[in-house]
Amino acid sequence: MKKFLSILLAVLVLGACTTVTVDAKKKSSKKKARTTKVVKRDLVRTYCKTVEFSNVRSGPSMDCPVVETLQKGHVVFVVQQEGEWYYINMYPGQEIEGTQYGWTHRKNLRYHAPDDGVN
């Protein structure tokens, strides 16, 4: 009888240890890794600033001729998008002679929320 009780006790102890191990595995697998979502903002119909010297081209391609070069921090207004290219108004709120519109690559622009609509 003692032998039977010893075996039963050993089985229960080993079973309890196995259960604890399984629970620990379940708890550790339930932890979710932190992920950072990158939200791409639709820049069409918004004001943006150039992030570096930016070539503005006559069309949405590196093969198109440069019509203007804008300095870093220049505020533009995005009119439309084609692929990774934005058609921009280089001088929003101003009427100028010559070329006022052109194309620049999306990597050249960052969203800008102006206080008075332009600066």
C-alpha atoms as a PDB file:
ATOM      1  CA  MET A   1       0.000   0.000   0.000  1.00  0.00           C
ATOM      2  CA  LYS A   2       2.838   2.395   0.843  1.00  0.00           C
ATOM      3  CA  LYS A   3       4.418   1.642  -2.501  1.00  0.00           C
ATOM      4  CA  PHE A   4       1.159   2.439  -4.295  1.00  0.00           C
ATOM      5  CA  LEU A   5       0.791   5.740  -2.436  1.00  0.00           C
ATOM      6  CA  SER A   6       4.412   6.663  -3.217  1.00  0.00           C
ATOM      7  CA  ILE A   7       3.853   6.043  -6.936  1.00  0.00           C
ATOM      8  CA  LEU A   8       0.573   7.973  -6.877  1.00  0.00           C
ATOM      9  CA  LEU A   9       2.233  10.876  -5.106  1.00  0.00           C
ATOM     10  CA  ALA A  10       5.110  10.873  -7.622  1.00  0.00           C
ATOM     11  CA  VAL A  11       2.650  10.911 -10.546  1.00  0.00           C
ATOM     12  CA  LEU A  12       0.721  13.804  -9.032  1.00  0.00           C
ATOM     13  CA  VAL A  13       3.896  15.799  -8.350  1.00  0.00           C
ATOM     14  CA  LEU A  14       5.235  15.192 -11.859  1.00  0.00           C
ATOM     15  CA  GLY A  15       1.842  16.051 -13.327  1.00  0.00           C
ATOM     16  CA  ALA A  16       1.767  19.305 -11.365  1.00  0.00           C
ATOM     17  CA  CYS A  17       5.259  20.202 -12.589  1.00  0.00           C
ATOM     18  CA  THR A  18       4.285  19.518 -16.176  1.00  0.00           C
ATOM     19  CA  THR A  19       1.186  21.662 -15.808  1.00  0.00           C
ATOM     20  CA  VAL A  20       3.210  24.547 -14.391  1.00  0.00           C
ATOM     21  CA  THR A  21       5.675  24.293 -17.274  1.00  0.00           C
ATOM     22  CA  VAL A  22       2.891  24.258 -19.859  1.00  0.00           C
ATOM     23  CA  ASP A  23       1.213  27.255 -18.204  1.00  0.00           C
ATOM     24  CA  ALA A  24       4.512  29.134 -18.202  1.00  0.00           C
ATOM     25  CA  LYS A  25       4.930  28.423 -21.925  1.00  0.00           C
ATOM     26  CA  LYS A  26       1.387  29.557 -22.622  1.00  0.00           C
ATOM     27  CA  LYS A  27       1.936  32.801 -20.715  1.00  0.00           C
ATOM     28  CA  SER A  28       5.191  33.599 -22.486  1.00  0.00           C
ATOM     29  CA  SER A  29       3.722  32.851 -25.914  1.00  0.00           C
ATOM     30  CA  LYS A  30       0.774  35.153 -25.224  1.00  0.00           C
ATOM     31  CA  LYS A  31       3.038  38.186 -24.892  1.00  0.00           C
ATOM     32  CA  LYS A  32       2.738  40.291 -27.997  1.00  0.00           C
ATOM     33  CA  ALA A  33       5.771  41.914 -29.502  1.00  0.00           C
ATOM     34  CA  ARG A  34       5.547  45.668 -29.767  1.00  0.00           C
ATOM     35  CA  THR A  35       5.250  46.866 -33.301  1.00  0.00           C
ATOM     36  CA  THR A  36       5.370  50.368 -34.661  1.00  0.00           C
ATOM     37  CA  LYS A  37       2.904  51.242 -37.364  1.00  0.00           C
ATOM     38  CA  VAL A  38       4.138  53.534 -40.071  1.00  0.00           C
ATOM     39  CA  VAL A  39       1.224  55.594 -41.239  1.00  0.00           C
ATOM     40  CA  LYS A  40       1.641  56.987 -44.709  1.00  0.00           C
ATOM     41  CA  ARG A  41      -0.155  60.274 -44.985  1.00  0.00           C
ATOM     42  CA  ASP A  42      -1.929  61.133 -48.211  1.00  0.00           C
ATOM     43  CA  LEU A  43      -0.260  64.410 -49.114  1.00  0.00           C
ATOM     44  CA  VAL A  44      -2.624  65.363 -51.945  1.00  0.00           C
ATOM     45  CA  ARG A  45      -4.323  68.710 -51.250  1.00  0.00           C
ATOM     46  CA  THR A  46      -1.948  69.532 -48.379  1.00  0.00           C
ATOM     47  CA  TYR A  47       0.955  71.866 -47.778  1.00  0.00           C
ATOM     48  CA  CYS A  48       4.409  70.320 -47.565  1.00  0.00           C
ATOM     49  CA  LYS A  49       7.969  71.429 -46.965  1.00  0.00           C
ATOM     50  CA  THR A  50      10.938  70.259 -48.974  1.00  0.00           C
ATOM     51  CA  VAL A  51      13.369  68.218 -46.868  1.00  0.00           C
ATOM     52  CA  GLU A  52      16.433  68.974 -48.958  1.00  0.00           C
ATOM     53  CA  PHE A  53      17.318  70.748 -52.163  1.00  0.00           C
ATOM     54  CA  SER A  54      14.667  69.407 -54.510  1.00  0.00           C
ATOM     55  CA  ASN A  55      14.593  69.304 -58.274  1.00  0.00           C
ATOM     56  CA  VAL A  56      11.179  70.039 -59.745  1.00  0.00           C
ATOM     57  CA  ARG A  57      10.680  68.419 -63.131  1.00  0.00           C
ATOM     58  CA  SER A  58       8.367  68.916 -66.080  1.00  0.00           C
ATOM     59  CA  GLY A  59       6.986  65.369 -65.690  1.00  0.00           C
ATOM     60  CA  PRO A  60       6.842  62.491 -63.174  1.00  0.00           C
ATOM     61  CA  SER A  61      10.140  60.891 -64.139  1.00  0.00           C
ATOM     62  CA  MET A  62      13.873  61.321 -63.586  1.00  0.00           C
ATOM     63  CA  ASP A  63      14.136  61.489 -67.384  1.00  0.00           C
ATOM     64  CA  CYS A  64      12.117  64.741 -67.521  1.00  0.00           C
ATOM     65  CA  PRO A  65      14.019  68.035 -67.526  1.00  0.00           C
ATOM     66  CA  VAL A  66      14.432  70.069 -64.330  1.00  0.00           C
ATOM     67  CA  VAL A  67      12.341  73.265 -64.400  1.00  0.00           C
ATOM     68  CA  GLU A  68      13.228  74.584 -60.922  1.00  0.00           C
ATOM     69  CA  THR A  69      15.342  73.711 -57.875  1.00  0.00           C
ATOM     70  CA  LEU A  70      13.810  74.446 -54.479  1.00  0.00           C
ATOM     71  CA  GLN A  71      15.793  74.991 -51.297  1.00  0.00           C
ATOM     72  CA  LYS A  72      15.274  72.975 -48.116  1.00  0.00           C
ATOM     73  CA  GLY A  73      12.213  74.188 -46.171  1.00  0.00           C
ATOM     74  CA  HIS A  74      10.389  75.661 -49.173  1.00  0.00           C
ATOM     75  CA  VAL A  75       6.603  75.364 -48.703  1.00  0.00           C
ATOM     76  CA  VAL A  76       4.676  73.864 -51.636  1.00  0.00           C
ATOM     77  CA  PHE A  77       1.094  72.737 -52.216  1.00  0.00           C
ATOM     78  CA  VAL A  78       0.511  69.183 -53.499  1.00  0.00           C
ATOM     79  CA  VAL A  79      -2.070  69.120 -56.295  1.00  0.00           C
ATOM     80  CA  GLN A  80      -2.054  65.448 -57.302  1.00  0.00           C
ATOM     81  CA  GLN A  81      -0.083  62.215 -57.108  1.00  0.00           C
ATOM     82  CA  GLU A  82       1.096  59.779 -59.761  1.00  0.00           C
ATOM     83  CA  GLY A  83       2.907  56.780 -58.323  1.00  0.00           C
ATOM     84  CA  GLU A  84       5.711  58.127 -56.144  1.00  0.00           C
ATOM     85  CA  TRP A  85       5.622  61.564 -57.771  1.00  0.00           C
ATOM     86  CA  TYR A  86       3.702  64.656 -56.662  1.00  0.00           C
ATOM     87  CA  TYR A  87       2.497  67.457 -58.921  1.00  0.00           C
ATOM     88  CA  ILE A  88       3.054  70.605 -56.890  1.00  0.00           C
ATOM     89  CA  ASN A  89       2.346  74.308 -56.875  1.00  0.00           C
ATOM     90  CA  MET A  90       5.788  75.682 -56.038  1.00  0.00           C
ATOM     91  CA  TYR A  91       4.462  79.093 -55.005  1.00  0.00           C
ATOM     92  CA  PRO A  92       1.076  78.619 -53.298  1.00  0.00           C
ATOM     93  CA  GLY A  93      -0.873  81.819 -52.768  1.00  0.00           C
ATOM     94  CA  GLN A  94       1.267  83.743 -55.239  1.00  0.00           C
ATOM     95  CA  GLU A  95       0.821  84.573 -58.886  1.00  0.00           C
ATOM     96  CA  ILE A  96       4.205  84.492 -60.601  1.00  0.00           C
ATOM     97  CA  GLU A  97       5.409  84.706 -64.158  1.00  0.00           C
ATOM     98  CA  GLY A  98       6.810  81.538 -65.624  1.00  0.00           C
ATOM     99  CA  THR A  99       6.529  78.023 -64.272  1.00  0.00           C
ATOM    100  CA  GLN A 100       4.540  77.694 -61.080  1.00  0.00           C
ATOM    101  CA  TYR A 101       3.804  73.934 -61.236  1.00  0.00           C
ATOM    102  CA  GLY A 102       6.002  70.871 -61.575  1.00  0.00           C
ATOM    103  CA  TRP A 103       6.711  67.325 -60.395  1.00  0.00           C
ATOM    104  CA  THR A 104       8.885  66.185 -57.486  1.00  0.00           C
ATOM    105  CA  HIS A 105       9.520  62.775 -55.912  1.00  0.00           C
ATOM    106  CA  ARG A 106       7.705  61.963 -52.660  1.00  0.00           C
ATOM    107  CA  LYS A 107      10.987  61.506 -50.750  1.00  0.00           C
ATOM    108  CA  ASN A 108      11.592  65.253 -51.130  1.00  0.00           C
ATOM    109  CA  LEU A 109       8.459  66.315 -49.218  1.00  0.00           C
ATOM    110  CA  ARG A 110       7.150  66.173 -45.648  1.00  0.00           C
ATOM    111  CA  TYR A 111       3.723  67.225 -44.401  1.00  0.00           C
ATOM    112  CA  HIS A 112       3.546  70.807 -43.141  1.00  0.00           C
ATOM    113  CA  ALA A 113       0.634  72.375 -41.253  1.00  0.00           C
ATOM    114  CA  PRO A 114       1.017  76.103 -41.875  1.00  0.00           C
ATOM    115  CA  ASP A 115      -0.397  78.648 -39.445  1.00  0.00           C
ATOM    116  CA  ASP A 116      -1.654  81.088 -42.037  1.00  0.00           C
ATOM    117  CA  GLY A 117      -2.051  78.774 -45.021  1.00  0.00           C
ATOM    118  CA  VAL A 118       1.345  79.320 -46.632  1.00  0.00           C
ATOM    119  CA  ASN A 119       4.284  79.790 -44.231  1.00  0.00           C
END
